[in-house]
Amino acid sequence: NLEVVIMETLPFSEENKTILRQETR
């Protein structure tokens, strides 16, 4: 649930959301 909320809220494209997840880790 936590990740769904974060991904829905972020104002980025789907590609950059994936990059953000990878880069953050």
mmCIF file of all heavy atoms, coordinates in Angstrom:
data_MODEL
# 
_entry.id   MODEL 
# 
loop_
_atom_site.group_PDB 
_atom_site.id 
_atom_site.type_symbol 
_atom_site.label_atom_id 
_atom_site.label_alt_id 
_atom_site.label_comp_id 
_atom_site.label_asym_id 
_atom_site.label_entity_id 
_atom_site.label_seq_id 
_atom_site.pdbx_PDB_ins_code 
_atom_site.Cartn_x 
_atom_site.Cartn_y 
_atom_site.Cartn_z 
_atom_site.occupancy 
_atom_site.B_iso_or_equiv 
_atom_site.pdbx_formal_charge 
_atom_site.auth_seq_id 
_atom_site.auth_comp_id 
_atom_site.auth_asym_id 
_atom_site.auth_atom_id 
_atom_site.pdbx_PDB_model_num 
ATOM 1   N N   . ASN A 1 1  ? 0.825  -1.212 0.000   1.00 0.00 ? 1  ASN A N   1 
ATOM 2   C CA  . ASN A 1 1  ? 0.000  0.000  0.000   1.00 0.00 ? 1  ASN A CA  1 
ATOM 3   C C   . ASN A 1 1  ? 0.855  1.256  0.000   1.00 0.00 ? 1  ASN A C   1 
ATOM 4   O O   . ASN A 1 1  ? 0.531  2.249  -0.655  1.00 0.00 ? 1  ASN A O   1 
ATOM 5   C CB  . ASN A 1 1  ? -0.927 0.010  1.219   1.00 0.00 ? 1  ASN A CB  1 
ATOM 6   C CG  . ASN A 1 1  ? -1.951 -1.110 1.170   1.00 0.00 ? 1  ASN A CG  1 
ATOM 7   O OD1 . ASN A 1 1  ? -2.345 -1.549 0.085   1.00 0.00 ? 1  ASN A OD1 1 
ATOM 8   N ND2 . ASN A 1 1  ? -2.354 -1.593 2.331   1.00 0.00 ? 1  ASN A ND2 1 
ATOM 9   N N   . LEU A 1 2  ? 1.952  1.217  0.743   1.00 0.00 ? 2  LEU A N   1 
ATOM 10  C CA  . LEU A 1 2  ? 2.836  2.381  0.847   1.00 0.00 ? 2  LEU A CA  1 
ATOM 11  C C   . LEU A 1 2  ? 3.396  2.752  -0.519  1.00 0.00 ? 2  LEU A C   1 
ATOM 12  O O   . LEU A 1 2  ? 3.406  3.925  -0.905  1.00 0.00 ? 2  LEU A O   1 
ATOM 13  C CB  . LEU A 1 2  ? 3.971  2.051  1.826   1.00 0.00 ? 2  LEU A CB  1 
ATOM 14  C CG  . LEU A 1 2  ? 5.010  3.146  2.063   1.00 0.00 ? 2  LEU A CG  1 
ATOM 15  C CD1 . LEU A 1 2  ? 4.381  4.350  2.744   1.00 0.00 ? 2  LEU A CD1 1 
ATOM 16  C CD2 . LEU A 1 2  ? 6.168  2.605  2.898   1.00 0.00 ? 2  LEU A CD2 1 
ATOM 17  N N   . GLU A 1 3  ? 3.843  1.773  -1.262  1.00 0.00 ? 3  GLU A N   1 
ATOM 18  C CA  . GLU A 1 3  ? 4.445  2.059  -2.557  1.00 0.00 ? 3  GLU A CA  1 
ATOM 19  C C   . GLU A 1 3  ? 3.420  2.531  -3.568  1.00 0.00 ? 3  GLU A C   1 
ATOM 20  O O   . GLU A 1 3  ? 3.712  3.390  -4.409  1.00 0.00 ? 3  GLU A O   1 
ATOM 21  C CB  . GLU A 1 3  ? 5.175  0.815  -3.071  1.00 0.00 ? 3  GLU A CB  1 
ATOM 22  C CG  . GLU A 1 3  ? 6.384  0.465  -2.223  1.00 0.00 ? 3  GLU A CG  1 
ATOM 23  C CD  . GLU A 1 3  ? 7.204  -0.647 -2.848  1.00 0.00 ? 3  GLU A CD  1 
ATOM 24  O OE1 . GLU A 1 3  ? 6.993  -0.942 -4.042  1.00 0.00 ? 3  GLU A OE1 1 
ATOM 25  O OE2 . GLU A 1 3  ? 8.042  -1.217 -2.142  1.00 0.00 ? 3  GLU A OE2 1 
ATOM 26  N N   . VAL A 1 4  ? 2.209  1.995  -3.499  1.00 0.00 ? 4  VAL A N   1 
ATOM 27  C CA  . VAL A 1 4  ? 1.147  2.443  -4.409  1.00 0.00 ? 4  VAL A CA  1 
ATOM 28  C C   . VAL A 1 4  ? 0.857  3.924  -4.186  1.00 0.00 ? 4  VAL A C   1 
ATOM 29  O O   . VAL A 1 4  ? 0.749  4.704  -5.147  1.00 0.00 ? 4  VAL A O   1 
ATOM 30  C CB  . VAL A 1 4  ? -0.129 1.608  -4.199  1.00 0.00 ? 4  VAL A CB  1 
ATOM 31  C CG1 . VAL A 1 4  ? -1.309 2.255  -4.924  1.00 0.00 ? 4  VAL A CG1 1 
ATOM 32  C CG2 . VAL A 1 4  ? 0.077  0.182  -4.690  1.00 0.00 ? 4  VAL A CG2 1 
ATOM 33  N N   . VAL A 1 5  ? 0.752  4.332  -2.925  1.00 0.00 ? 5  VAL A N   1 
ATOM 34  C CA  . VAL A 1 5  ? 0.473  5.740  -2.604  1.00 0.00 ? 5  VAL A CA  1 
ATOM 35  C C   . VAL A 1 5  ? 1.590  6.635  -3.114  1.00 0.00 ? 5  VAL A C   1 
ATOM 36  O O   . VAL A 1 5  ? 1.350  7.689  -3.723  1.00 0.00 ? 5  VAL A O   1 
ATOM 37  C CB  . VAL A 1 5  ? 0.302  5.913  -1.071  1.00 0.00 ? 5  VAL A CB  1 
ATOM 38  C CG1 . VAL A 1 5  ? 0.237  7.395  -0.708  1.00 0.00 ? 5  VAL A CG1 1 
ATOM 39  C CG2 . VAL A 1 5  ? -0.950 5.192  -0.594  1.00 0.00 ? 5  VAL A CG2 1 
ATOM 40  N N   . ILE A 1 6  ? 2.839  6.232  -2.884  1.00 0.00 ? 6  ILE A N   1 
ATOM 41  C CA  . ILE A 1 6  ? 3.979  7.054  -3.301  1.00 0.00 ? 6  ILE A CA  1 
ATOM 42  C C   . ILE A 1 6  ? 4.031  7.173  -4.825  1.00 0.00 ? 6  ILE A C   1 
ATOM 43  O O   . ILE A 1 6  ? 4.196  8.271  -5.373  1.00 0.00 ? 6  ILE A O   1 
ATOM 44  C CB  . ILE A 1 6  ? 5.295  6.463  -2.761  1.00 0.00 ? 6  ILE A CB  1 
ATOM 45  C CG1 . ILE A 1 6  ? 5.331  6.576  -1.232  1.00 0.00 ? 6  ILE A CG1 1 
ATOM 46  C CG2 . ILE A 1 6  ? 6.496  7.179  -3.373  1.00 0.00 ? 6  ILE A CG2 1 
ATOM 47  C CD1 . ILE A 1 6  ? 6.518  5.891  -0.590  1.00 0.00 ? 6  ILE A CD1 1 
ATOM 48  N N   . MET A 1 7  ? 3.881  6.055  -5.523  1.00 0.00 ? 7  MET A N   1 
ATOM 49  C CA  . MET A 1 7  ? 3.957  6.079  -6.982  1.00 0.00 ? 7  MET A CA  1 
ATOM 50  C C   . MET A 1 7  ? 2.812  6.878  -7.604  1.00 0.00 ? 7  MET A C   1 
ATOM 51  O O   . MET A 1 7  ? 2.975  7.536  -8.623  1.00 0.00 ? 7  MET A O   1 
ATOM 52  C CB  . MET A 1 7  ? 3.949  4.643  -7.535  1.00 0.00 ? 7  MET A CB  1 
ATOM 53  C CG  . MET A 1 7  ? 5.222  3.864  -7.278  1.00 0.00 ? 7  MET A CG  1 
ATOM 54  S SD  . MET A 1 7  ? 6.687  4.608  -8.062  1.00 0.00 ? 7  MET A SD  1 
ATOM 55  C CE  . MET A 1 7  ? 7.593  5.186  -6.614  1.00 0.00 ? 7  MET A CE  1 
ATOM 56  N N   . GLU A 1 8  ? 1.615  6.820  -6.992  1.00 0.00 ? 8  GLU A N   1 
ATOM 57  C CA  . GLU A 1 8  ? 0.481  7.599  -7.503  1.00 0.00 ? 8  GLU A CA  1 
ATOM 58  C C   . GLU A 1 8  ? 0.697  9.094  -7.330  1.00 0.00 ? 8  GLU A C   1 
ATOM 59  O O   . GLU A 1 8  ? 0.266  9.902  -8.154  1.00 0.00 ? 8  GLU A O   1 
ATOM 60  C CB  . GLU A 1 8  ? -0.801 7.191  -6.771  1.00 0.00 ? 8  GLU A CB  1 
ATOM 61  C CG  . GLU A 1 8  ? -1.370 5.857  -7.207  1.00 0.00 ? 8  GLU A CG  1 
ATOM 62  C CD  . GLU A 1 8  ? -2.639 5.507  -6.449  1.00 0.00 ? 8  GLU A CD  1 
ATOM 63  O OE1 . GLU A 1 8  ? -2.965 6.203  -5.455  1.00 0.00 ? 8  GLU A OE1 1 
ATOM 64  O OE2 . GLU A 1 8  ? -3.303 4.536  -6.845  1.00 0.00 ? 8  GLU A OE2 1 
ATOM 65  N N   . THR A 1 9  ? 1.363  9.472  -6.256  1.00 0.00 ? 9  THR A N   1 
ATOM 66  C CA  . THR A 1 9  ? 1.514  10.889 -5.914  1.00 0.00 ? 9  THR A CA  1 
ATOM 67  C C   . THR A 1 9  ? 2.631  11.566 -6.689  1.00 0.00 ? 9  THR A C   1 
ATOM 68  O O   . THR A 1 9  ? 2.551  12.769 -6.972  1.00 0.00 ? 9  THR A O   1 
ATOM 69  C CB  . THR A 1 9  ? 1.777  11.032 -4.400  1.00 0.00 ? 9  THR A CB  1 
ATOM 70  O OG1 . THR A 1 9  ? 0.774  10.318 -3.681  1.00 0.00 ? 9  THR A OG1 1 
ATOM 71  C CG2 . THR A 1 9  ? 1.760  12.495 -3.979  1.00 0.00 ? 9  THR A CG2 1 
ATOM 72  N N   . LEU A 1 10 ? 3.675  10.835 -7.036  1.00 0.00 ? 10 LEU A N   1 
ATOM 73  C CA  . LEU A 1 10 ? 4.831  11.450 -7.691  1.00 0.00 ? 10 LEU A CA  1 
ATOM 74  C C   . LEU A 1 10 ? 4.452  12.042 -9.046  1.00 0.00 ? 10 LEU A C   1 
ATOM 75  O O   . LEU A 1 10 ? 3.828  11.373 -9.874  1.00 0.00 ? 10 LEU A O   1 
ATOM 76  C CB  . LEU A 1 10 ? 5.943  10.416 -7.887  1.00 0.00 ? 10 LEU A CB  1 
ATOM 77  C CG  . LEU A 1 10 ? 6.664  9.971  -6.617  1.00 0.00 ? 10 LEU A CG  1 
ATOM 78  C CD1 . LEU A 1 10 ? 7.627  8.836  -6.927  1.00 0.00 ? 10 LEU A CD1 1 
ATOM 79  C CD2 . LEU A 1 10 ? 7.416  11.132 -5.987  1.00 0.00 ? 10 LEU A CD2 1 
ATOM 80  N N   . PRO A 1 11 ? 4.837  13.307 -9.308  1.00 0.00 ? 11 PRO A N   1 
ATOM 81  C CA  . PRO A 1 11 ? 4.437  13.982 -10.556 1.00 0.00 ? 11 PRO A CA  1 
ATOM 82  C C   . PRO A 1 11 ? 5.408  13.726 -11.704 1.00 0.00 ? 11 PRO A C   1 
ATOM 83  O O   . PRO A 1 11 ? 5.882  14.651 -12.365 1.00 0.00 ? 11 PRO A O   1 
ATOM 84  C CB  . PRO A 1 11 ? 4.448  15.453 -10.139 1.00 0.00 ? 11 PRO A CB  1 
ATOM 85  C CG  . PRO A 1 11 ? 5.561  15.534 -9.140  1.00 0.00 ? 11 PRO A CG  1 
ATOM 86  C CD  . PRO A 1 11 ? 5.540  14.222 -8.400  1.00 0.00 ? 11 PRO A CD  1 
ATOM 87  N N   . PHE A 1 12 ? 5.771  12.445 -11.956 1.00 0.00 ? 12 PHE A N   1 
ATOM 88  C CA  . PHE A 1 12 ? 6.728  12.109 -13.000 1.00 0.00 ? 12 PHE A CA  1 
ATOM 89  C C   . PHE A 1 12 ? 6.113  11.098 -13.959 1.00 0.00 ? 12 PHE A C   1 
ATOM 90  O O   . PHE A 1 12 ? 5.103  10.452 -13.662 1.00 0.00 ? 12 PHE A O   1 
ATOM 91  C CB  . PHE A 1 12 ? 8.011  11.524 -12.408 1.00 0.00 ? 12 PHE A CB  1 
ATOM 92  C CG  . PHE A 1 12 ? 8.754  12.474 -11.504 1.00 0.00 ? 12 PHE A CG  1 
ATOM 93  C CD1 . PHE A 1 12 ? 9.068  12.117 -10.203 1.00 0.00 ? 12 PHE A CD1 1 
ATOM 94  C CD2 . PHE A 1 12 ? 9.160  13.725 -11.959 1.00 0.00 ? 12 PHE A CD2 1 
ATOM 95  C CE1 . PHE A 1 12 ? 9.748  12.981 -9.372  1.00 0.00 ? 12 PHE A CE1 1 
ATOM 96  C CE2 . PHE A 1 12 ? 9.851  14.588 -11.138 1.00 0.00 ? 12 PHE A CE2 1 
ATOM 97  C CZ  . PHE A 1 12 ? 10.138 14.228 -9.841  1.00 0.00 ? 12 PHE A CZ  1 
ATOM 98  N N   . SER A 1 13 ? 6.754  10.945 -15.101 1.00 0.00 ? 13 SER A N   1 
ATOM 99  C CA  . SER A 1 13 ? 6.318  9.930  -16.058 1.00 0.00 ? 13 SER A CA  1 
ATOM 100 C C   . SER A 1 13 ? 6.570  8.541  -15.481 1.00 0.00 ? 13 SER A C   1 
ATOM 101 O O   . SER A 1 13 ? 7.360  8.375  -14.539 1.00 0.00 ? 13 SER A O   1 
ATOM 102 C CB  . SER A 1 13 ? 7.102  10.091 -17.365 1.00 0.00 ? 13 SER A CB  1 
ATOM 103 O OG  . SER A 1 13 ? 8.492  9.845  -17.149 1.00 0.00 ? 13 SER A OG  1 
ATOM 104 N N   . GLU A 1 14 ? 5.909  7.549  -16.053 1.00 0.00 ? 14 GLU A N   1 
ATOM 105 C CA  . GLU A 1 14 ? 6.079  6.177  -15.555 1.00 0.00 ? 14 GLU A CA  1 
ATOM 106 C C   . GLU A 1 14 ? 7.522  5.710  -15.677 1.00 0.00 ? 14 GLU A C   1 
ATOM 107 O O   . GLU A 1 14 ? 8.038  4.997  -14.824 1.00 0.00 ? 14 GLU A O   1 
ATOM 108 C CB  . GLU A 1 14 ? 5.147  5.226  -16.324 1.00 0.00 ? 14 GLU A CB  1 
ATOM 109 C CG  . GLU A 1 14 ? 3.671  5.426  -16.030 1.00 0.00 ? 14 GLU A CG  1 
ATOM 110 C CD  . GLU A 1 14 ? 3.356  5.276  -14.552 1.00 0.00 ? 14 GLU A CD  1 
ATOM 111 O OE1 . GLU A 1 14 ? 3.898  4.337  -13.924 1.00 0.00 ? 14 GLU A OE1 1 
ATOM 112 O OE2 . GLU A 1 14 ? 2.560  6.084  -14.025 1.00 0.00 ? 14 GLU A OE2 1 
ATOM 113 N N   . GLU A 1 15 ? 8.176  6.127  -16.768 1.00 0.00 ? 15 GLU A N   1 
ATOM 114 C CA  . GLU A 1 15 ? 9.580  5.764  -16.954 1.00 0.00 ? 15 GLU A CA  1 
ATOM 115 C C   . GLU A 1 15 ? 10.439 6.332  -15.830 1.00 0.00 ? 15 GLU A C   1 
ATOM 116 O O   . GLU A 1 15 ? 11.286 5.642  -15.253 1.00 0.00 ? 15 GLU A O   1 
ATOM 117 C CB  . GLU A 1 15 ? 10.073 6.284  -18.306 1.00 0.00 ? 15 GLU A CB  1 
ATOM 118 C CG  . GLU A 1 15 ? 11.565 6.016  -18.545 1.00 0.00 ? 15 GLU A CG  1 
ATOM 119 C CD  . GLU A 1 15 ? 12.094 6.738  -19.774 1.00 0.00 ? 15 GLU A CD  1 
ATOM 120 O OE1 . GLU A 1 15 ? 11.297 7.432  -20.450 1.00 0.00 ? 15 GLU A OE1 1 
ATOM 121 O OE2 . GLU A 1 15 ? 13.298 6.614  -20.044 1.00 0.00 ? 15 GLU A OE2 1 
ATOM 122 N N   . ASN A 1 16 ? 10.206 7.602  -15.510 1.00 0.00 ? 16 ASN A N   1 
ATOM 123 C CA  . ASN A 1 16 ? 11.009 8.234  -14.467 1.00 0.00 ? 16 ASN A CA  1 
ATOM 124 C C   . ASN A 1 16 ? 10.653 7.731  -13.077 1.00 0.00 ? 16 ASN A C   1 
ATOM 125 O O   . ASN A 1 16 ? 11.486 7.763  -12.175 1.00 0.00 ? 16 ASN A O   1 
ATOM 126 C CB  . ASN A 1 16 ? 10.873 9.754  -14.530 1.00 0.00 ? 16 ASN A CB  1 
ATOM 127 C CG  . ASN A 1 16 ? 11.947 10.376 -15.402 1.00 0.00 ? 16 ASN A CG  1 
ATOM 128 O OD1 . ASN A 1 16 ? 12.807 9.673  -15.932 1.00 0.00 ? 16 ASN A OD1 1 
ATOM 129 N ND2 . ASN A 1 16 ? 11.899 11.682 -15.556 1.00 0.00 ? 16 ASN A ND2 1 
ATOM 130 N N   . LYS A 1 17 ? 9.412  7.274  -12.887 1.00 0.00 ? 17 LYS A N   1 
ATOM 131 C CA  . LYS A 1 17 ? 9.065  6.661  -11.607 1.00 0.00 ? 17 LYS A CA  1 
ATOM 132 C C   . LYS A 1 17 ? 9.864  5.382  -11.397 1.00 0.00 ? 17 LYS A C   1 
ATOM 133 O O   . LYS A 1 17 ? 10.334 5.101  -10.287 1.00 0.00 ? 17 LYS A O   1 
ATOM 134 C CB  . LYS A 1 17 ? 7.565  6.374  -11.540 1.00 0.00 ? 17 LYS A CB  1 
ATOM 135 C CG  . LYS A 1 17 ? 6.693  7.611  -11.379 1.00 0.00 ? 17 LYS A CG  1 
ATOM 136 C CD  . LYS A 1 17 ? 5.217  7.242  -11.325 1.00 0.00 ? 17 LYS A CD  1 
ATOM 137 C CE  . LYS A 1 17 ? 4.349  8.479  -11.203 1.00 0.00 ? 17 LYS A CE  1 
ATOM 138 N NZ  . LYS A 1 17 ? 2.898  8.162  -11.139 1.00 0.00 ? 17 LYS A NZ  1 
ATOM 139 N N   . THR A 1 18 ? 10.031 4.620  -12.470 1.00 0.00 ? 18 THR A N   1 
ATOM 140 C CA  . THR A 1 18 ? 10.844 3.402  -12.386 1.00 0.00 ? 18 THR A CA  1 
ATOM 141 C C   . THR A 1 18 ? 12.296 3.754  -12.108 1.00 0.00 ? 18 THR A C   1 
ATOM 142 O O   . THR A 1 18 ? 12.955 3.124  -11.266 1.00 0.00 ? 18 THR A O   1 
ATOM 143 C CB  . THR A 1 18 ? 10.744 2.608  -13.704 1.00 0.00 ? 18 THR A CB  1 
ATOM 144 O OG1 . THR A 1 18 ? 9.374  2.285  -13.945 1.00 0.00 ? 18 THR A OG1 1 
ATOM 145 C CG2 . THR A 1 18 ? 11.562 1.330  -13.628 1.00 0.00 ? 18 THR A CG2 1 
ATOM 146 N N   . ILE A 1 19 ? 12.805 4.765  -12.819 1.00 0.00 ? 19 ILE A N   1 
ATOM 147 C CA  . ILE A 1 19 ? 14.186 5.212  -12.592 1.00 0.00 ? 19 ILE A CA  1 
ATOM 148 C C   . ILE A 1 19 ? 14.352 5.701  -11.167 1.00 0.00 ? 19 ILE A C   1 
ATOM 149 O O   . ILE A 1 19 ? 15.356 5.411  -10.504 1.00 0.00 ? 19 ILE A O   1 
ATOM 150 C CB  . ILE A 1 19 ? 14.566 6.320  -13.590 1.00 0.00 ? 19 ILE A CB  1 
ATOM 151 C CG1 . ILE A 1 19 ? 14.637 5.752  -15.008 1.00 0.00 ? 19 ILE A CG1 1 
ATOM 152 C CG2 . ILE A 1 19 ? 15.892 6.962  -13.211 1.00 0.00 ? 19 ILE A CG2 1 
ATOM 153 C CD1 . ILE A 1 19 ? 14.894 6.799  -16.074 1.00 0.00 ? 19 ILE A CD1 1 
ATOM 154 N N   . LEU A 1 20 ? 13.356 6.447  -10.673 1.00 0.00 ? 20 LEU A N   1 
ATOM 155 C CA  . LEU A 1 20 ? 13.428 6.974  -9.310  1.00 0.00 ? 20 LEU A CA  1 
ATOM 156 C C   . LEU A 1 20 ? 13.524 5.847  -8.296  1.00 0.00 ? 20 LEU A C   1 
ATOM 157 O O   . LEU A 1 20 ? 14.309 5.914  -7.341  1.00 0.00 ? 20 LEU A O   1 
ATOM 158 C CB  . LEU A 1 20 ? 12.198 7.836  -9.025  1.00 0.00 ? 20 LEU A CB  1 
ATOM 159 C CG  . LEU A 1 20 ? 12.113 8.443  -7.617  1.00 0.00 ? 20 LEU A CG  1 
ATOM 160 C CD1 . LEU A 1 20 ? 13.281 9.388  -7.364  1.00 0.00 ? 20 LEU A CD1 1 
ATOM 161 C CD2 . LEU A 1 20 ? 10.798 9.179  -7.417  1.00 0.00 ? 20 LEU A CD2 1 
ATOM 162 N N   . ARG A 1 21 ? 12.729 4.782  -8.491  1.00 0.00 ? 21 ARG A N   1 
ATOM 163 C CA  . ARG A 1 21 ? 12.768 3.642  -7.574  1.00 0.00 ? 21 ARG A CA  1 
ATOM 164 C C   . ARG A 1 21 ? 14.154 2.985  -7.598  1.00 0.00 ? 21 ARG A C   1 
ATOM 165 O O   . ARG A 1 21 ? 14.738 2.701  -6.552  1.00 0.00 ? 21 ARG A O   1 
ATOM 166 C CB  . ARG A 1 21 ? 11.690 2.627  -7.960  1.00 0.00 ? 21 ARG A CB  1 
ATOM 167 C CG  . ARG A 1 21 ? 11.594 1.466  -6.969  1.00 0.00 ? 21 ARG A CG  1 
ATOM 168 C CD  . ARG A 1 21 ? 10.683 0.360  -7.459  1.00 0.00 ? 21 ARG A CD  1 
ATOM 169 N NE  . ARG A 1 21 ? 9.296  0.808  -7.591  1.00 0.00 ? 21 ARG A NE  1 
ATOM 170 C CZ  . ARG A 1 21 ? 8.654  0.946  -8.737  1.00 0.00 ? 21 ARG A CZ  1 
ATOM 171 N NH1 . ARG A 1 21 ? 9.278  0.691  -9.886  1.00 0.00 ? 21 ARG A NH1 1 
ATOM 172 N NH2 . ARG A 1 21 ? 7.404  1.333  -8.774  1.00 0.00 ? 21 ARG A NH2 1 
ATOM 173 N N   . GLN A 1 22 ? 14.694 2.791  -8.795  1.00 0.00 ? 22 GLN A N   1 
ATOM 174 C CA  . GLN A 1 22 ? 16.003 2.159  -8.921  1.00 0.00 ? 22 GLN A CA  1 
ATOM 175 C C   . GLN A 1 22 ? 17.112 3.028  -8.345  1.00 0.00 ? 22 GLN A C   1 
ATOM 176 O O   . GLN A 1 22 ? 17.997 2.546  -7.620  1.00 0.00 ? 22 GLN A O   1 
ATOM 177 C CB  . GLN A 1 22 ? 16.292 1.859  -10.397 1.00 0.00 ? 22 GLN A CB  1 
ATOM 178 C CG  . GLN A 1 22 ? 15.341 0.847  -11.022 1.00 0.00 ? 22 GLN A CG  1 
ATOM 179 C CD  . GLN A 1 22 ? 15.478 0.779  -12.531 1.00 0.00 ? 22 GLN A CD  1 
ATOM 180 O OE1 . GLN A 1 22 ? 16.134 1.621  -13.152 1.00 0.00 ? 22 GLN A OE1 1 
ATOM 181 N NE2 . GLN A 1 22 ? 14.859 -0.234 -13.136 1.00 0.00 ? 22 GLN A NE2 1 
ATOM 182 N N   . GLU A 1 23 ? 17.072 4.308  -8.688  1.00 0.00 ? 23 GLU A N   1 
ATOM 183 C CA  . GLU A 1 23 ? 18.119 5.226  -8.224  1.00 0.00 ? 23 GLU A CA  1 
ATOM 184 C C   . GLU A 1 23 ? 18.081 5.407  -6.712  1.00 0.00 ? 23 GLU A C   1 
ATOM 185 O O   . GLU A 1 23 ? 19.126 5.480  -6.057  1.00 0.00 ? 23 GLU A O   1 
ATOM 186 C CB  . GLU A 1 23 ? 17.949 6.585  -8.901  1.00 0.00 ? 23 GLU A CB  1 
ATOM 187 C CG  . GLU A 1 23 ? 18.333 6.607  -10.351 1.00 0.00 ? 23 GLU A CG  1 
ATOM 188 C CD  . GLU A 1 23 ? 19.846 6.575  -10.531 1.00 0.00 ? 23 GLU A CD  1 
ATOM 189 O OE1 . GLU A 1 23 ? 20.499 7.597  -10.304 1.00 0.00 ? 23 GLU A OE1 1 
ATOM 190 O OE2 . GLU A 1 23 ? 20.370 5.513  -10.906 1.00 0.00 ? 23 GLU A OE2 1 
ATOM 191 N N   . THR A 1 24 ? 16.872 5.498  -6.155  1.00 0.00 ? 24 THR A N   1 
ATOM 192 C CA  . THR A 1 24 ? 16.748 5.673  -4.705  1.00 0.00 ? 24 THR A CA  1 
ATOM 193 C C   . THR A 1 24 ? 17.367 4.496  -3.970  1.00 0.00 ? 24 THR A C   1 
ATOM 194 O O   . THR A 1 24 ? 18.113 4.674  -3.000  1.00 0.00 ? 24 THR A O   1 
ATOM 195 C CB  . THR A 1 24 ? 15.261 5.816  -4.307  1.00 0.00 ? 24 THR A CB  1 
ATOM 196 O OG1 . THR A 1 24 ? 14.701 6.945  -4.984  1.00 0.00 ? 24 THR A OG1 1 
ATOM 197 C CG2 . THR A 1 24 ? 15.129 6.011  -2.809  1.00 0.00 ? 24 THR A CG2 1 
ATOM 198 N N   . ARG A 1 25 ? 17.087 3.300  -4.438  1.00 0.00 ? 25 ARG A N   1 
ATOM 199 C CA  . ARG A 1 25 ? 17.681 2.113  -3.813  1.00 0.00 ? 25 ARG A CA  1 
ATOM 200 C C   . ARG A 1 25 ? 19.205 2.122  -3.939  1.00 0.00 ? 25 ARG A C   1 
ATOM 201 O O   . ARG A 1 25 ? 19.920 1.833  -2.982  1.00 0.00 ? 25 ARG A O   1 
ATOM 202 C CB  . ARG A 1 25 ? 17.105 0.847  -4.444  1.00 0.00 ? 25 ARG A CB  1 
ATOM 203 C CG  . ARG A 1 25 ? 17.719 -0.428 -3.878  1.00 0.00 ? 25 ARG A CG  1 
ATOM 204 C CD  . ARG A 1 25 ? 17.055 -1.666 -4.436  1.00 0.00 ? 25 ARG A CD  1 
ATOM 205 N NE  . ARG A 1 25 ? 17.801 -2.878 -4.104  1.00 0.00 ? 25 ARG A NE  1 
ATOM 206 C CZ  . ARG A 1 25 ? 17.785 -3.465 -2.917  1.00 0.00 ? 25 ARG A CZ  1 
ATOM 207 N NH1 . ARG A 1 25 ? 17.036 -2.970 -1.952  1.00 0.00 ? 25 ARG A NH1 1 
ATOM 208 N NH2 . ARG A 1 25 ? 18.499 -4.554 -2.698  1.00 0.00 ? 25 ARG A NH2 1 
# 
